[in-house]
Amino acid sequence: MTVNDDCARQRNGIESLVAEHKSLTATTARTERQLASLKAAHADPATIASVRETLSAEQEQLAEIAVAGKAAVEEFQGECVGEPLPPGAAAFLQAATPATGRGADGPGAGTPRESQDRIVP
């Protein structure tokens, strides 16, 4: 496999992570809105707890994607010097911290937590 083939493979992997992150962020935002609605309606505590668990799992998965994205981008930068990053990939560099696997920003960051562009739970 040539360097160009390897860089193309890595680029495809990063693009997949960016797309997965974007999709899951939208899902997480919907879950956050659902939880807020349930709380406002004073829904059954078991229902609220179930939605909280779902939200927590989604947020954890977002954090894992951020860590994987950061590692993929760093590998790409090391092996494909001079190649531009795929759209949205640079945000992974600020996304995760080694100690917690969570960070303050991710693809599309800079908007309120309730938006569809946030990684941090």
C-alpha atoms as a PDB file:
ATOM      1  CA  MET A   1       0.000   0.000   0.000  1.00  0.00           C
ATOM      2  CA  THR A   2       1.353   3.383  -0.945  1.00  0.00           C
ATOM      3  CA  VAL A   3       1.410   6.434   1.275  1.00  0.00           C
ATOM      4  CA  ASN A   4      -1.354   7.990  -0.846  1.00  0.00           C
ATOM      5  CA  ASP A   5      -3.538   4.886  -0.386  1.00  0.00           C
ATOM      6  CA  ASP A   6      -2.909   4.929   3.350  1.00  0.00           C
ATOM      7  CA  CYS A   7      -3.713   8.643   3.563  1.00  0.00           C
ATOM      8  CA  ALA A   8      -6.925   8.093   1.586  1.00  0.00           C
ATOM      9  CA  ARG A   9      -7.898   5.257   3.957  1.00  0.00           C
ATOM     10  CA  GLN A  10      -7.185   7.442   6.976  1.00  0.00           C
ATOM     11  CA  ARG A  11      -9.116  10.362   5.445  1.00  0.00           C
ATOM     12  CA  ASN A  12     -12.126   8.091   4.897  1.00  0.00           C
ATOM     13  CA  GLY A  13     -11.944   6.922   8.504  1.00  0.00           C
ATOM     14  CA  ILE A  14     -11.838  10.493   9.797  1.00  0.00           C
ATOM     15  CA  GLU A  15     -14.735  11.497   7.563  1.00  0.00           C
ATOM     16  CA  SER A  16     -16.738   8.596   8.993  1.00  0.00           C
ATOM     17  CA  LEU A  17     -15.971   9.700  12.550  1.00  0.00           C
ATOM     18  CA  VAL A  18     -17.006  13.288  11.768  1.00  0.00           C
ATOM     19  CA  ALA A  19     -20.285  12.046  10.258  1.00  0.00           C
ATOM     20  CA  GLU A  20     -20.930   9.686  13.173  1.00  0.00           C
ATOM     21  CA  HIS A  21     -20.257  12.476  15.635  1.00  0.00           C
ATOM     22  CA  LYS A  22     -22.596  14.868  13.822  1.00  0.00           C
ATOM     23  CA  SER A  23     -25.402  12.303  13.723  1.00  0.00           C
ATOM     24  CA  LEU A  24     -25.031  11.319  17.376  1.00  0.00           C
ATOM     25  CA  THR A  25     -24.871  14.979  18.435  1.00  0.00           C
ATOM     26  CA  ALA A  26     -28.240  15.543  16.782  1.00  0.00           C
ATOM     27  CA  THR A  27     -29.639  12.485  18.562  1.00  0.00           C
ATOM     28  CA  THR A  28     -28.227  13.678  21.885  1.00  0.00           C
ATOM     29  CA  ALA A  29     -29.773  17.110  21.399  1.00  0.00           C
ATOM     30  CA  ARG A  30     -33.171  15.487  20.814  1.00  0.00           C
ATOM     31  CA  THR A  31     -32.725  13.376  23.938  1.00  0.00           C
ATOM     32  CA  GLU A  32     -31.819  16.490  25.951  1.00  0.00           C
ATOM     33  CA  ARG A  33     -34.982  18.209  24.724  1.00  0.00           C
ATOM     34  CA  GLN A  34     -37.038  15.125  25.551  1.00  0.00           C
ATOM     35  CA  LEU A  35     -35.610  15.051  29.071  1.00  0.00           C
ATOM     36  CA  ALA A  36     -36.348  18.742  29.567  1.00  0.00           C
ATOM     37  CA  SER A  37     -39.935  18.226  28.388  1.00  0.00           C
ATOM     38  CA  LEU A  38     -40.423  15.278  30.707  1.00  0.00           C
ATOM     39  CA  LYS A  39     -39.075  17.242  33.662  1.00  0.00           C
ATOM     40  CA  ALA A  40     -41.279  20.228  32.825  1.00  0.00           C
ATOM     41  CA  ALA A  41     -44.323  17.949  32.622  1.00  0.00           C
ATOM     42  CA  HIS A  42     -43.417  16.296  35.942  1.00  0.00           C
ATOM     43  CA  ALA A  43     -43.381  12.913  34.218  1.00  0.00           C
ATOM     44  CA  ASP A  44     -43.029   9.609  35.994  1.00  0.00           C
ATOM     45  CA  PRO A  45     -39.620   9.433  37.727  1.00  0.00           C
ATOM     46  CA  ALA A  46     -38.913   6.054  36.139  1.00  0.00           C
ATOM     47  CA  THR A  47     -39.431   7.553  32.674  1.00  0.00           C
ATOM     48  CA  ILE A  48     -37.151  10.475  33.489  1.00  0.00           C
ATOM     49  CA  ALA A  49     -34.514   8.081  34.837  1.00  0.00           C
ATOM     50  CA  SER A  50     -34.697   5.990  31.676  1.00  0.00           C
ATOM     51  CA  VAL A  51     -34.193   9.022  29.439  1.00  0.00           C
ATOM     52  CA  ARG A  52     -31.307  10.183  31.661  1.00  0.00           C
ATOM     53  CA  GLU A  53     -29.644   6.795  31.188  1.00  0.00           C
ATOM     54  CA  THR A  54     -30.087   7.057  27.433  1.00  0.00           C
ATOM     55  CA  LEU A  55     -28.632  10.572  27.454  1.00  0.00           C
ATOM     56  CA  SER A  56     -25.688   9.479  29.559  1.00  0.00           C
ATOM     57  CA  ALA A  57     -24.922   6.619  27.163  1.00  0.00           C
ATOM     58  CA  GLU A  58     -25.126   8.978  24.183  1.00  0.00           C
ATOM     59  CA  GLN A  59     -22.811  11.475  25.842  1.00  0.00           C
ATOM     60  CA  GLU A  60     -20.312   8.753  26.692  1.00  0.00           C
ATOM     61  CA  GLN A  61     -20.373   7.554  23.090  1.00  0.00           C
ATOM     62  CA  LEU A  62     -19.768  11.131  21.902  1.00  0.00           C
ATOM     63  CA  ALA A  63     -16.736  11.319  24.190  1.00  0.00           C
ATOM     64  CA  GLU A  64     -15.422   8.045  22.772  1.00  0.00           C
ATOM     65  CA  ILE A  65     -15.850   9.304  19.217  1.00  0.00           C
ATOM     66  CA  ALA A  66     -13.975  12.474  20.165  1.00  0.00           C
ATOM     67  CA  VAL A  67     -11.054  10.461  21.539  1.00  0.00           C
ATOM     68  CA  ALA A  68     -10.979   8.216  18.452  1.00  0.00           C
ATOM     69  CA  GLY A  69     -11.231  11.272  16.205  1.00  0.00           C
ATOM     70  CA  LYS A  70      -8.347  12.984  17.923  1.00  0.00           C
ATOM     71  CA  ALA A  71      -6.164   9.900  17.599  1.00  0.00           C
ATOM     72  CA  ALA A  72      -7.088   9.489  13.927  1.00  0.00           C
ATOM     73  CA  VAL A  73      -6.367  13.143  13.137  1.00  0.00           C
ATOM     74  CA  GLU A  74      -3.023  13.047  14.932  1.00  0.00           C
ATOM     75  CA  GLU A  75      -2.036   9.883  13.050  1.00  0.00           C
ATOM     76  CA  PHE A  76      -3.136  11.463   9.767  1.00  0.00           C
ATOM     77  CA  GLN A  77      -1.101  14.589  10.458  1.00  0.00           C
ATOM     78  CA  GLY A  78       1.961  12.507  11.320  1.00  0.00           C
ATOM     79  CA  GLU A  79       1.785  10.228   8.308  1.00  0.00           C
ATOM     80  CA  CYS A  80       0.231  12.481   5.671  1.00  0.00           C
ATOM     81  CA  VAL A  81       2.286  15.627   6.161  1.00  0.00           C
ATOM     82  CA  GLY A  82       0.999  18.507   4.084  1.00  0.00           C
ATOM     83  CA  GLU A  83      -2.358  16.883   3.346  1.00  0.00           C
ATOM     84  CA  PRO A  84      -5.358  18.978   4.399  1.00  0.00           C
ATOM     85  CA  LEU A  85      -7.642  17.557   7.062  1.00  0.00           C
ATOM     86  CA  PRO A  86     -11.153  16.524   6.090  1.00  0.00           C
ATOM     87  CA  PRO A  87     -13.868  19.107   6.906  1.00  0.00           C
ATOM     88  CA  GLY A  88     -14.728  19.077  10.611  1.00  0.00           C
ATOM     89  CA  ALA A  89     -11.694  17.005  11.575  1.00  0.00           C
ATOM     90  CA  ALA A  90      -9.604  19.809  13.088  1.00  0.00           C
ATOM     91  CA  ALA A  91     -12.142  20.204  15.873  1.00  0.00           C
ATOM     92  CA  PHE A  92     -11.211  16.743  17.141  1.00  0.00           C
ATOM     93  CA  LEU A  93      -7.797  18.146  18.103  1.00  0.00           C
ATOM     94  CA  GLN A  94      -9.460  20.233  20.826  1.00  0.00           C
ATOM     95  CA  ALA A  95     -12.143  17.652  21.569  1.00  0.00           C
ATOM     96  CA  ALA A  96     -10.589  15.238  24.020  1.00  0.00           C
ATOM     97  CA  THR A  97      -8.196  15.469  26.903  1.00  0.00           C
ATOM     98  CA  PRO A  98      -6.044  12.455  27.815  1.00  0.00           C
ATOM     99  CA  ALA A  99      -7.051  12.426  31.477  1.00  0.00           C
ATOM    100  CA  THR A 100     -10.794  12.157  30.983  1.00  0.00           C
ATOM    101  CA  GLY A 101     -11.378  11.494  27.321  1.00  0.00           C
ATOM    102  CA  ARG A 102     -13.665  14.515  27.354  1.00  0.00           C
ATOM    103  CA  GLY A 103     -13.107  18.034  26.214  1.00  0.00           C
ATOM    104  CA  ALA A 104     -14.842  21.322  25.929  1.00  0.00           C
ATOM    105  CA  ASP A 105     -15.110  21.478  22.178  1.00  0.00           C
ATOM    106  CA  GLY A 106     -15.702  19.282  19.186  1.00  0.00           C
ATOM    107  CA  PRO A 107     -16.912  19.510  15.641  1.00  0.00           C
ATOM    108  CA  GLY A 108     -19.160  22.556  15.477  1.00  0.00           C
ATOM    109  CA  ALA A 109     -18.355  23.684  19.003  1.00  0.00           C
ATOM    110  CA  GLY A 110     -18.892  27.189  20.202  1.00  0.00           C
ATOM    111  CA  THR A 111     -22.643  26.942  20.541  1.00  0.00           C
ATOM    112  CA  PRO A 112     -24.735  26.261  23.643  1.00  0.00           C
ATOM    113  CA  ARG A 113     -24.715  22.759  25.107  1.00  0.00           C
ATOM    114  CA  GLU A 114     -28.276  22.122  23.994  1.00  0.00           C
ATOM    115  CA  SER A 115     -27.271  22.599  20.373  1.00  0.00           C
ATOM    116  CA  GLN A 116     -26.457  19.744  18.060  1.00  0.00           C
ATOM    117  CA  ASP A 117     -22.769  20.590  17.968  1.00  0.00           C
ATOM    118  CA  ARG A 118     -21.520  19.809  21.427  1.00  0.00           C
ATOM    119  CA  ILE A 119     -19.424  16.871  22.623  1.00  0.00           C
ATOM    120  CA  VAL A 120     -19.331  17.424  26.370  1.00  0.00           C
ATOM    121  CA  PRO A 121     -22.117  15.958  28.473  1.00  0.00           C
END
